[in-house]
Structures are given as C-alpha cells and as structure tokens.
Amino acid sequence: AMGWYRQAPGKQRELVAQIIGGDSTMYADSVKGRFTISRDNA
C-alpha cells in the first residue's frame, strides 16, 4: 500500500488518500472529487 497523510500545525496527522494493491483507492471525505492518487507500479 502507498498513501498520503497530512498534518497541519496543532492537528493530528490524517490520512488523505491511499492506494492498495496497485489499483484500489480511497480518499478522505474532505478531498473527494479534488484529489487523485495514482501509482507507477514499475
């Protein structure tokens, strides 16, 4: 799995987007429709 987390000052680190198994993705509600995660497996 590969993913992106973010942390703002004074806030807990949160999961933004994740890709599992090379093609299965999920997103935090706050970024859905705006962010896209992708992976170059090679």
ModelCIF file with pLDDT and N, C-alpha, C, O atoms, coordinates in Angstrom:
data_MODEL
#
_entry.id   MODEL 
#
_entity.id                         1 
_entity.type                       polymer 
_entity.pdbx_number_of_molecules   1 
#
_entity_poly.entity_id                      1 
_entity_poly.type                           'polypeptide(L)' 
_entity_poly.nstd_linkage                   no 
_entity_poly.nstd_monomer                   no 
_entity_poly.pdbx_seq_one_letter_code       AMGWYRQAPGKQRELVAQIIGGDSTMYADSVKGRFTISRDNA 
_entity_poly.pdbx_seq_one_letter_code_can   AMGWYRQAPGKQRELVAQIIGGDSTMYADSVKGRFTISRDNA 
_entity_poly.pdbx_strand_id                 A 
#
loop_
_entity_poly_seq.entity_id 
_entity_poly_seq.num 
_entity_poly_seq.mon_id 
_entity_poly_seq.hetero 
1 1  ALA n 
1 2  MET n 
1 3  GLY n 
1 4  TRP n 
1 5  TYR n 
1 6  ARG n 
1 7  GLN n 
1 8  ALA n 
1 9  PRO n 
1 10 GLY n 
1 11 LYS n 
1 12 GLN n 
1 13 ARG n 
1 14 GLU n 
1 15 LEU n 
1 16 VAL n 
1 17 ALA n 
1 18 GLN n 
1 19 ILE n 
1 20 ILE n 
1 21 GLY n 
1 22 GLY n 
1 23 ASP n 
1 24 SER n 
1 25 THR n 
1 26 MET n 
1 27 TYR n 
1 28 ALA n 
1 29 ASP n 
1 30 SER n 
1 31 VAL n 
1 32 LYS n 
1 33 GLY n 
1 34 ARG n 
1 35 PHE n 
1 36 THR n 
1 37 ILE n 
1 38 SER n 
1 39 ARG n 
1 40 ASP n 
1 41 ASN n 
1 42 ALA n 
#
_struct_asym.id          A 
_struct_asym.entity_id   1 
#
loop_
_ma_qa_metric.id 
_ma_qa_metric.mode 
_ma_qa_metric.name 
_ma_qa_metric.software_group_id 
_ma_qa_metric.type 
1 global pLDDT . pLDDT 
2 local  pLDDT . pLDDT 
#
_ma_qa_metric_global.metric_id      1 
_ma_qa_metric_global.metric_value   94.79 
_ma_qa_metric_global.model_id       1 
_ma_qa_metric_global.ordinal_id     1 
#
loop_
_ma_qa_metric_local.label_asym_id 
_ma_qa_metric_local.label_comp_id 
_ma_qa_metric_local.label_seq_id 
_ma_qa_metric_local.metric_id 
_ma_qa_metric_local.metric_value 
_ma_qa_metric_local.model_id 
_ma_qa_metric_local.ordinal_id 
A ALA 1  2 95.00 1 1  
A MET 2  2 95.00 1 2  
A GLY 3  2 96.00 1 3  
A TRP 4  2 98.00 1 4  
A TYR 5  2 98.00 1 5  
A ARG 6  2 98.00 1 6  
A GLN 7  2 98.00 1 7  
A ALA 8  2 96.00 1 8  
A PRO 9  2 91.00 1 9  
A GLY 10 2 93.00 1 10 
A LYS 11 2 96.00 1 11 
A GLN 12 2 96.00 1 12 
A ARG 13 2 97.00 1 13 
A GLU 14 2 97.00 1 14 
A LEU 15 2 98.00 1 15 
A VAL 16 2 98.00 1 16 
A ALA 17 2 98.00 1 17 
A GLN 18 2 97.00 1 18 
A ILE 19 2 96.00 1 19 
A ILE 20 2 94.00 1 20 
A GLY 21 2 85.00 1 21 
A GLY 22 2 74.00 1 22 
A ASP 23 2 84.00 1 23 
A SER 24 2 95.00 1 24 
A THR 25 2 97.00 1 25 
A MET 26 2 97.00 1 26 
A TYR 27 2 98.00 1 27 
A ALA 28 2 98.00 1 28 
A ASP 29 2 98.00 1 29 
A SER 30 2 97.00 1 30 
A VAL 31 2 98.00 1 31 
A LYS 32 2 98.00 1 32 
A GLY 33 2 97.00 1 33 
A ARG 34 2 98.00 1 34 
A PHE 35 2 98.00 1 35 
A THR 36 2 98.00 1 36 
A ILE 37 2 97.00 1 37 
A SER 38 2 95.00 1 38 
A ARG 39 2 94.00 1 39 
A ASP 40 2 91.00 1 40 
A ASN 41 2 83.00 1 41 
A ALA 42 2 86.00 1 42 
#
loop_
_atom_site.group_PDB 
_atom_site.id 
_atom_site.type_symbol 
_atom_site.label_atom_id 
_atom_site.label_alt_id 
_atom_site.label_comp_id 
_atom_site.label_asym_id 
_atom_site.label_entity_id 
_atom_site.label_seq_id 
_atom_site.pdbx_PDB_ins_code 
_atom_site.Cartn_x 
_atom_site.Cartn_y 
_atom_site.Cartn_z 
_atom_site.occupancy 
_atom_site.B_iso_or_equiv 
_atom_site.pdbx_formal_charge 
_atom_site.auth_seq_id 
_atom_site.auth_comp_id 
_atom_site.auth_asym_id 
_atom_site.auth_atom_id 
_atom_site.pdbx_PDB_model_num 
ATOM 1   N N  . ALA A 1 1  ? 0.834   -1.187 0.000   1.00 95.00 ? 1  ALA A N  1 
ATOM 2   C CA . ALA A 1 1  ? 0.000   0.000  0.000   1.00 95.00 ? 1  ALA A CA 1 
ATOM 3   C C  . ALA A 1 1  ? 0.871   1.240  0.000   1.00 95.00 ? 1  ALA A C  1 
ATOM 4   O O  . ALA A 1 1  ? 1.975   1.241  0.544   1.00 95.00 ? 1  ALA A O  1 
ATOM 5   N N  . MET A 1 2  ? 0.363   2.289  -0.614  1.00 95.00 ? 2  MET A N  1 
ATOM 6   C CA . MET A 1 2  ? 1.011   3.584  -0.594  1.00 95.00 ? 2  MET A CA 1 
ATOM 7   C C  . MET A 1 2  ? -0.061  4.625  -0.309  1.00 95.00 ? 2  MET A C  1 
ATOM 8   O O  . MET A 1 2  ? -1.193  4.513  -0.779  1.00 95.00 ? 2  MET A O  1 
ATOM 9   N N  . GLY A 1 3  ? 0.299   5.614  0.448   1.00 96.00 ? 3  GLY A N  1 
ATOM 10  C CA . GLY A 1 3  ? -0.683  6.620  0.791   1.00 96.00 ? 3  GLY A CA 1 
ATOM 11  C C  . GLY A 1 3  ? -0.062  7.951  1.117   1.00 96.00 ? 3  GLY A C  1 
ATOM 12  O O  . GLY A 1 3  ? 1.155   8.095  1.231   1.00 96.00 ? 3  GLY A O  1 
ATOM 13  N N  . TRP A 1 4  ? -0.939  8.920  1.262   1.00 98.00 ? 4  TRP A N  1 
ATOM 14  C CA . TRP A 1 4  ? -0.547  10.269 1.625   1.00 98.00 ? 4  TRP A CA 1 
ATOM 15  C C  . TRP A 1 4  ? -1.284  10.680 2.885   1.00 98.00 ? 4  TRP A C  1 
ATOM 16  O O  . TRP A 1 4  ? -2.505  10.555 2.980   1.00 98.00 ? 4  TRP A O  1 
ATOM 17  N N  . TYR A 1 5  ? -0.528  11.168 3.841   1.00 98.00 ? 5  TYR A N  1 
ATOM 18  C CA . TYR A 1 5  ? -1.059  11.755 5.054   1.00 98.00 ? 5  TYR A CA 1 
ATOM 19  C C  . TYR A 1 5  ? -0.705  13.226 5.081   1.00 98.00 ? 5  TYR A C  1 
ATOM 20  O O  . TYR A 1 5  ? 0.201   13.669 4.376   1.00 98.00 ? 5  TYR A O  1 
ATOM 21  N N  . ARG A 1 6  ? -1.419  13.978 5.894   1.00 98.00 ? 6  ARG A N  1 
ATOM 22  C CA . ARG A 1 6  ? -1.068  15.373 6.069   1.00 98.00 ? 6  ARG A CA 1 
ATOM 23  C C  . ARG A 1 6  ? -1.254  15.765 7.524   1.00 98.00 ? 6  ARG A C  1 
ATOM 24  O O  . ARG A 1 6  ? -2.059  15.183 8.251   1.00 98.00 ? 6  ARG A O  1 
ATOM 25  N N  . GLN A 1 7  ? -0.489  16.764 7.922   1.00 98.00 ? 7  GLN A N  1 
ATOM 26  C CA . GLN A 1 7  ? -0.555  17.251 9.286   1.00 98.00 ? 7  GLN A CA 1 
ATOM 27  C C  . GLN A 1 7  ? -0.394  18.760 9.288   1.00 98.00 ? 7  GLN A C  1 
ATOM 28  O O  . GLN A 1 7  ? 0.626   19.294 8.851   1.00 98.00 ? 7  GLN A O  1 
ATOM 29  N N  . ALA A 1 8  ? -1.405  19.430 9.783   1.00 96.00 ? 8  ALA A N  1 
ATOM 30  C CA . ALA A 1 8  ? -1.371  20.871 9.943   1.00 96.00 ? 8  ALA A CA 1 
ATOM 31  C C  . ALA A 1 8  ? -0.927  21.194 11.366  1.00 96.00 ? 8  ALA A C  1 
ATOM 32  O O  . ALA A 1 8  ? -1.078  20.362 12.260  1.00 96.00 ? 8  ALA A O  1 
ATOM 33  N N  . PRO A 1 9  ? -0.382  22.388 11.589  1.00 91.00 ? 9  PRO A N  1 
ATOM 34  C CA . PRO A 1 9  ? 0.059   22.756 12.935  1.00 91.00 ? 9  PRO A CA 1 
ATOM 35  C C  . PRO A 1 9  ? -1.050  22.605 13.963  1.00 91.00 ? 9  PRO A C  1 
ATOM 36  O O  . PRO A 1 9  ? -2.161  23.097 13.766  1.00 91.00 ? 9  PRO A O  1 
ATOM 37  N N  . GLY A 1 10 ? -0.745  21.926 15.057  1.00 93.00 ? 10 GLY A N  1 
ATOM 38  C CA . GLY A 1 10 ? -1.709  21.735 16.115  1.00 93.00 ? 10 GLY A CA 1 
ATOM 39  C C  . GLY A 1 10 ? -2.763  20.688 15.857  1.00 93.00 ? 10 GLY A C  1 
ATOM 40  O O  . GLY A 1 10 ? -3.671  20.518 16.670  1.00 93.00 ? 10 GLY A O  1 
ATOM 41  N N  . LYS A 1 11 ? -2.671  19.983 14.750  1.00 96.00 ? 11 LYS A N  1 
ATOM 42  C CA . LYS A 1 11 ? -3.659  18.978 14.405  1.00 96.00 ? 11 LYS A CA 1 
ATOM 43  C C  . LYS A 1 11 ? -3.002  17.610 14.260  1.00 96.00 ? 11 LYS A C  1 
ATOM 44  O O  . LYS A 1 11 ? -1.797  17.496 14.036  1.00 96.00 ? 11 LYS A O  1 
ATOM 45  N N  . GLN A 1 12 ? -3.819  16.592 14.393  1.00 96.00 ? 12 GLN A N  1 
ATOM 46  C CA . GLN A 1 12 ? -3.345  15.224 14.257  1.00 96.00 ? 12 GLN A CA 1 
ATOM 47  C C  . GLN A 1 12 ? -3.108  14.883 12.789  1.00 96.00 ? 12 GLN A C  1 
ATOM 48  O O  . GLN A 1 12 ? -3.820  15.358 11.904  1.00 96.00 ? 12 GLN A O  1 
ATOM 49  N N  . ARG A 1 13 ? -2.112  14.063 12.551  1.00 97.00 ? 13 ARG A N  1 
ATOM 50  C CA . ARG A 1 13 ? -1.866  13.600 11.203  1.00 97.00 ? 13 ARG A CA 1 
ATOM 51  C C  . ARG A 1 13 ? -3.043  12.757 10.722  1.00 97.00 ? 13 ARG A C  1 
ATOM 52  O O  . ARG A 1 13 ? -3.520  11.881 11.444  1.00 97.00 ? 13 ARG A O  1 
ATOM 53  N N  . GLU A 1 14 ? -3.505  13.019 9.510   1.00 97.00 ? 14 GLU A N  1 
ATOM 54  C CA . GLU A 1 14 ? -4.669  12.340 8.983   1.00 97.00 ? 14 GLU A CA 1 
ATOM 55  C C  . GLU A 1 14 ? -4.380  11.727 7.623   1.00 97.00 ? 14 GLU A C  1 
ATOM 56  O O  . GLU A 1 14 ? -3.556  12.230 6.860   1.00 97.00 ? 14 GLU A O  1 
ATOM 57  N N  . LEU A 1 15 ? -5.059  10.652 7.339   1.00 98.00 ? 15 LEU A N  1 
ATOM 58  C CA . LEU A 1 15 ? -4.949  10.002 6.042   1.00 98.00 ? 15 LEU A CA 1 
ATOM 59  C C  . LEU A 1 15 ? -5.716  10.806 5.003   1.00 98.00 ? 15 LEU A C  1 
ATOM 60  O O  . LEU A 1 15 ? -6.882  11.147 5.203   1.00 98.00 ? 15 LEU A O  1 
ATOM 61  N N  . VAL A 1 16 ? -5.056  11.101 3.903   1.00 98.00 ? 16 VAL A N  1 
ATOM 62  C CA . VAL A 1 16 ? -5.665  11.857 2.817   1.00 98.00 ? 16 VAL A CA 1 
ATOM 63  C C  . VAL A 1 16 ? -6.133  10.938 1.706   1.00 98.00 ? 16 VAL A C  1 
ATOM 64  O O  . VAL A 1 16 ? -7.275  11.031 1.257   1.00 98.00 ? 16 VAL A O  1 
ATOM 65  N N  . ALA A 1 17 ? -5.261  10.057 1.262   1.00 98.00 ? 17 ALA A N  1 
ATOM 66  C CA . ALA A 1 17 ? -5.575  9.144  0.176   1.00 98.00 ? 17 ALA A CA 1 
ATOM 67  C C  . ALA A 1 17 ? -4.685  7.928  0.281   1.00 98.00 ? 17 ALA A C  1 
ATOM 68  O O  . ALA A 1 17 ? -3.577  7.994  0.812   1.00 98.00 ? 17 ALA A O  1 
ATOM 69  N N  . GLN A 1 18 ? -5.180  6.818  -0.231  1.00 97.00 ? 18 GLN A N  1 
ATOM 70  C CA . GLN A 1 18 ? -4.460  5.557  -0.130  1.00 97.00 ? 18 GLN A CA 1 
ATOM 71  C C  . GLN A 1 18 ? -4.739  4.718  -1.358  1.00 97.00 ? 18 GLN A C  1 
ATOM 72  O O  . GLN A 1 18 ? -5.851  4.717  -1.885  1.00 97.00 ? 18 GLN A O  1 
ATOM 73  N N  . ILE A 1 19 ? -3.728  4.008  -1.807  1.00 96.00 ? 19 ILE A N  1 
ATOM 74  C CA . ILE A 1 19 ? -3.894  3.064  -2.896  1.00 96.00 ? 19 ILE A CA 1 
ATOM 75  C C  . ILE A 1 19 ? -3.328  1.725  -2.434  1.00 96.00 ? 19 ILE A C  1 
ATOM 76  O O  . ILE A 1 19 ? -2.191  1.638  -1.970  1.00 96.00 ? 19 ILE A O  1 
ATOM 77  N N  . ILE A 1 20 ? -4.142  0.696  -2.573  1.00 94.00 ? 20 ILE A N  1 
ATOM 78  C CA . ILE A 1 20 ? -3.809  -0.631 -2.073  1.00 94.00 ? 20 ILE A CA 1 
ATOM 79  C C  . ILE A 1 20 ? -3.805  -1.607 -3.229  1.00 94.00 ? 20 ILE A C  1 
ATOM 80  O O  . ILE A 1 20 ? -4.693  -1.588 -4.080  1.00 94.00 ? 20 ILE A O  1 
ATOM 81  N N  . GLY A 1 21 ? -2.799  -2.457 -3.249  1.00 85.00 ? 21 GLY A N  1 
ATOM 82  C CA . GLY A 1 21 ? -2.734  -3.486 -4.271  1.00 85.00 ? 21 GLY A CA 1 
ATOM 83  C C  . GLY A 1 21 ? -2.527  -2.973 -5.681  1.00 85.00 ? 21 GLY A C  1 
ATOM 84  O O  . GLY A 1 21 ? -2.728  -3.707 -6.649  1.00 85.00 ? 21 GLY A O  1 
ATOM 85  N N  . GLY A 1 22 ? -2.133  -1.737 -5.802  1.00 74.00 ? 22 GLY A N  1 
ATOM 86  C CA . GLY A 1 22 ? -1.817  -1.169 -7.104  1.00 74.00 ? 22 GLY A CA 1 
ATOM 87  C C  . GLY A 1 22 ? -2.943  -0.439 -7.794  1.00 74.00 ? 22 GLY A C  1 
ATOM 88  O O  . GLY A 1 22 ? -2.696  0.322  -8.730  1.00 74.00 ? 22 GLY A O  1 
ATOM 89  N N  . ASP A 1 23 ? -4.198  -0.651 -7.352  1.00 84.00 ? 23 ASP A N  1 
ATOM 90  C CA . ASP A 1 23 ? -5.299  -0.014 -8.065  1.00 84.00 ? 23 ASP A CA 1 
ATOM 91  C C  . ASP A 1 23 ? -6.514  0.333  -7.219  1.00 84.00 ? 23 ASP A C  1 
ATOM 92  O O  . ASP A 1 23 ? -7.383  1.070  -7.686  1.00 84.00 ? 23 ASP A O  1 
ATOM 93  N N  . SER A 1 24 ? -6.608  -0.164 -6.007  1.00 95.00 ? 24 SER A N  1 
ATOM 94  C CA . SER A 1 24 ? -7.749  0.129  -5.154  1.00 95.00 ? 24 SER A CA 1 
ATOM 95  C C  . SER A 1 24 ? -7.470  1.396  -4.351  1.00 95.00 ? 24 SER A C  1 
ATOM 96  O O  . SER A 1 24 ? -6.482  1.469  -3.620  1.00 95.00 ? 24 SER A O  1 
ATOM 97  N N  . THR A 1 25 ? -8.336  2.382  -4.488  1.00 97.00 ? 25 THR A N  1 
ATOM 98  C CA . THR A 1 25 ? -8.082  3.678  -3.870  1.00 97.00 ? 25 THR A CA 1 
ATOM 99  C C  . THR A 1 25 ? -9.173  4.061  -2.884  1.00 97.00 ? 25 THR A C  1 
ATOM 100 O O  . THR A 1 25 ? -10.305 3.586  -2.967  1.00 97.00 ? 25 THR A O  1 
ATOM 101 N N  . MET A 1 26 ? -8.812  4.925  -1.955  1.00 97.00 ? 26 MET A N  1 
ATOM 102 C CA . MET A 1 26 ? -9.758  5.525  -1.038  1.00 97.00 ? 26 MET A CA 1 
ATOM 103 C C  . MET A 1 26 ? -9.292  6.934  -0.717  1.00 97.00 ? 26 MET A C  1 
ATOM 104 O O  . MET A 1 26 ? -8.105  7.250  -0.810  1.00 97.00 ? 26 MET A O  1 
ATOM 105 N N  . TYR A 1 27 ? -10.250 7.779  -0.336  1.00 98.00 ? 27 TYR A N  1 
ATOM 106 C CA . TYR A 1 27 ? -9.961  9.176  -0.081  1.00 98.00 ? 27 TYR A CA 1 
ATOM 107 C C  . TYR A 1 27 ? -10.686 9.657  1.159   1.00 98.00 ? 27 TYR A C  1 
ATOM 108 O O  . TYR A 1 27 ? -11.770 9.177  1.492   1.00 98.00 ? 27 TYR A O  1 
ATOM 109 N N  . ALA A 1 28 ? -10.079 10.599 1.828   1.00 98.00 ? 28 ALA A N  1 
ATOM 110 C CA . ALA A 1 28 ? -10.777 11.295 2.887   1.00 98.00 ? 28 ALA A CA 1 
ATOM 111 C C  . ALA A 1 28 ? -11.926 12.091 2.285   1.00 98.00 ? 28 ALA A C  1 
ATOM 112 O O  . ALA A 1 28 ? -11.829 12.584 1.161   1.00 98.00 ? 28 ALA A O  1 
ATOM 113 N N  . ASP A 1 29 ? -13.006 12.211 3.034   1.00 98.00 ? 29 ASP A N  1 
ATOM 114 C CA . ASP A 1 29 ? -14.171 12.921 2.523   1.00 98.00 ? 29 ASP A CA 1 
ATOM 115 C C  . ASP A 1 29 ? -13.833 14.360 2.121   1.00 98.00 ? 29 ASP A C  1 
ATOM 116 O O  . ASP A 1 29 ? -14.421 14.899 1.183   1.00 98.00 ? 29 ASP A O  1 
ATOM 117 N N  . SER A 1 30 ? -12.906 14.965 2.816   1.00 97.00 ? 30 SER A N  1 
ATOM 118 C CA . SER A 1 30 ? -12.579 16.356 2.572   1.00 97.00 ? 30 SER A CA 1 
ATOM 119 C C  . SER A 1 30 ? -11.899 16.596 1.230   1.00 97.00 ? 30 SER A C  1 
ATOM 120 O O  . SER A 1 30 ? -11.847 17.734 0.763   1.00 97.00 ? 30 SER A O  1 
ATOM 121 N N  . VAL A 1 31 ? -11.378 15.544 0.602   1.00 98.00 ? 31 VAL A N  1 
ATOM 122 C CA . VAL A 1 31 ? -10.650 15.719 -0.651  1.00 98.00 ? 31 VAL A CA 1 
ATOM 123 C C  . VAL A 1 31 ? -11.290 14.976 -1.812  1.00 98.00 ? 31 VAL A C  1 
ATOM 124 O O  . VAL A 1 31 ? -10.802 15.073 -2.938  1.00 98.00 ? 31 VAL A O  1 
ATOM 125 N N  . LYS A 1 32 ? -12.356 14.242 -1.574  1.00 98.00 ? 32 LYS A N  1 
ATOM 126 C CA . LYS A 1 32 ? -13.010 13.502 -2.645  1.00 98.00 ? 32 LYS A CA 1 
ATOM 127 C C  . LYS A 1 32 ? -13.471 14.445 -3.746  1.00 98.00 ? 32 LYS A C  1 
ATOM 128 O O  . LYS A 1 32 ? -14.050 15.499 -3.487  1.00 98.00 ? 32 LYS A O  1 
ATOM 129 N N  . GLY A 1 33 ? -13.201 14.041 -4.973  1.00 97.00 ? 33 GLY A N  1 
ATOM 130 C CA . GLY A 1 33 ? -13.561 14.854 -6.117  1.00 97.00 ? 33 GLY A CA 1 
ATOM 131 C C  . GLY A 1 33 ? -12.523 15.882 -6.492  1.00 97.00 ? 33 GLY A C  1 
ATOM 132 O O  . GLY A 1 33 ? -12.606 16.476 -7.567  1.00 97.00 ? 33 GLY A O  1 
ATOM 133 N N  . ARG A 1 34 ? -11.537 16.111 -5.623  1.00 98.00 ? 34 ARG A N  1 
ATOM 134 C CA . ARG A 1 34 ? -10.499 17.098 -5.903  1.00 98.00 ? 34 ARG A CA 1 
ATOM 135 C C  . ARG A 1 34 ? -9.115  16.469 -6.037  1.00 98.00 ? 34 ARG A C  1 
ATOM 136 O O  . ARG A 1 34 ? -8.309  16.907 -6.858  1.00 98.00 ? 34 ARG A O  1 
ATOM 137 N N  . PHE A 1 35 ? -8.841  15.452 -5.239  1.00 98.00 ? 35 PHE A N  1 
ATOM 138 C CA . PHE A 1 35 ? -7.534  14.798 -5.242  1.00 98.00 ? 35 PHE A CA 1 
ATOM 139 C C  . PHE A 1 35 ? -7.622  13.448 -5.928  1.00 98.00 ? 35 PHE A C  1 
ATOM 140 O O  . PHE A 1 35 ? -8.653  12.777 -5.878  1.00 98.00 ? 35 PHE A O  1 
ATOM 141 N N  . THR A 1 36 ? -6.535  13.060 -6.564  1.00 98.00 ? 36 THR A N  1 
ATOM 142 C CA . THR A 1 36 ? -6.443  11.759 -7.197  1.00 98.00 ? 36 THR A CA 1 
ATOM 143 C C  . THR A 1 36 ? -5.100  11.123 -6.862  1.00 98.00 ? 36 THR A C  1 
ATOM 144 O O  . THR A 1 36 ? -4.047  11.716 -7.097  1.00 98.00 ? 36 THR A O  1 
ATOM 145 N N  . ILE A 1 37 ? -5.144  9.927  -6.318  1.00 97.00 ? 37 ILE A N  1 
ATOM 146 C CA . ILE A 1 37 ? -3.919  9.195  -6.035  1.00 97.00 ? 37 ILE A CA 1 
ATOM 147 C C  . ILE A 1 37 ? -3.692  8.173  -7.138  1.00 97.00 ? 37 ILE A C  1 
ATOM 148 O O  . ILE A 1 37 ? -4.638  7.540  -7.607  1.00 97.00 ? 37 ILE A O  1 
ATOM 149 N N  . SER A 1 38 ? -2.460  8.014  -7.546  1.00 95.00 ? 38 SER A N  1 
ATOM 150 C CA . SER A 1 38 ? -2.110  7.040  -8.563  1.00 95.00 ? 38 SER A CA 1 
ATOM 151 C C  . SER A 1 38 ? -0.729  6.489  -8.264  1.00 95.00 ? 38 SER A C  1 
ATOM 152 O O  . SER A 1 38 ? 0.021   7.038  -7.457  1.00 95.00 ? 38 SER A O  1 
ATOM 153 N N  . ARG A 1 39 ? -0.414  5.401  -8.925  1.00 94.00 ? 39 ARG A N  1 
ATOM 154 C CA . ARG A 1 39 ? 0.841   4.719  -8.643  1.00 94.00 ? 39 ARG A CA 1 
ATOM 155 C C  . ARG A 1 39 ? 1.443   4.183  -9.927  1.00 94.00 ? 39 ARG A C  1 
ATOM 156 O O  . ARG A 1 39 ? 0.747   3.621  -10.773 1.00 94.00 ? 39 ARG A O  1 
ATOM 157 N N  . ASP A 1 40 ? 2.732   4.364  -10.057 1.00 91.00 ? 40 ASP A N  1 
ATOM 158 C CA . ASP A 1 40 ? 3.501   3.733  -11.112 1.00 91.00 ? 40 ASP A CA 1 
ATOM 159 C C  . ASP A 1 40 ? 4.142   2.507  -10.485 1.00 91.00 ? 40 ASP A C  1 
ATOM 160 O O  . ASP A 1 40 ? 5.167   2.611  -9.812  1.00 91.00 ? 40 ASP A O  1 
ATOM 161 N N  . ASN A 1 41 ? 3.542   1.354  -10.703 1.00 83.00 ? 41 ASN A N  1 
ATOM 162 C CA . ASN A 1 41 ? 3.994   0.138  -10.040 1.00 83.00 ? 41 ASN A CA 1 
ATOM 163 C C  . ASN A 1 41 ? 5.411   -0.266 -10.451 1.00 83.00 ? 41 ASN A C  1 
ATOM 164 O O  . ASN A 1 41 ? 6.169   -0.797 -9.639  1.00 83.00 ? 41 ASN A O  1 
ATOM 165 N N  . ALA A 1 42 ? 5.759   -0.017 -11.691 1.00 86.00 ? 42 ALA A N  1 
ATOM 166 C CA . ALA A 1 42 ? 7.075   -0.408 -12.174 1.00 86.00 ? 42 ALA A CA 1 
ATOM 167 C C  . ALA A 1 42 ? 8.184   0.420  -11.543 1.00 86.00 ? 42 ALA A C  1 
ATOM 168 O O  . ALA A 1 42 ? 9.359   0.212  -11.846 1.00 86.00 ? 42 ALA A O  1 
#
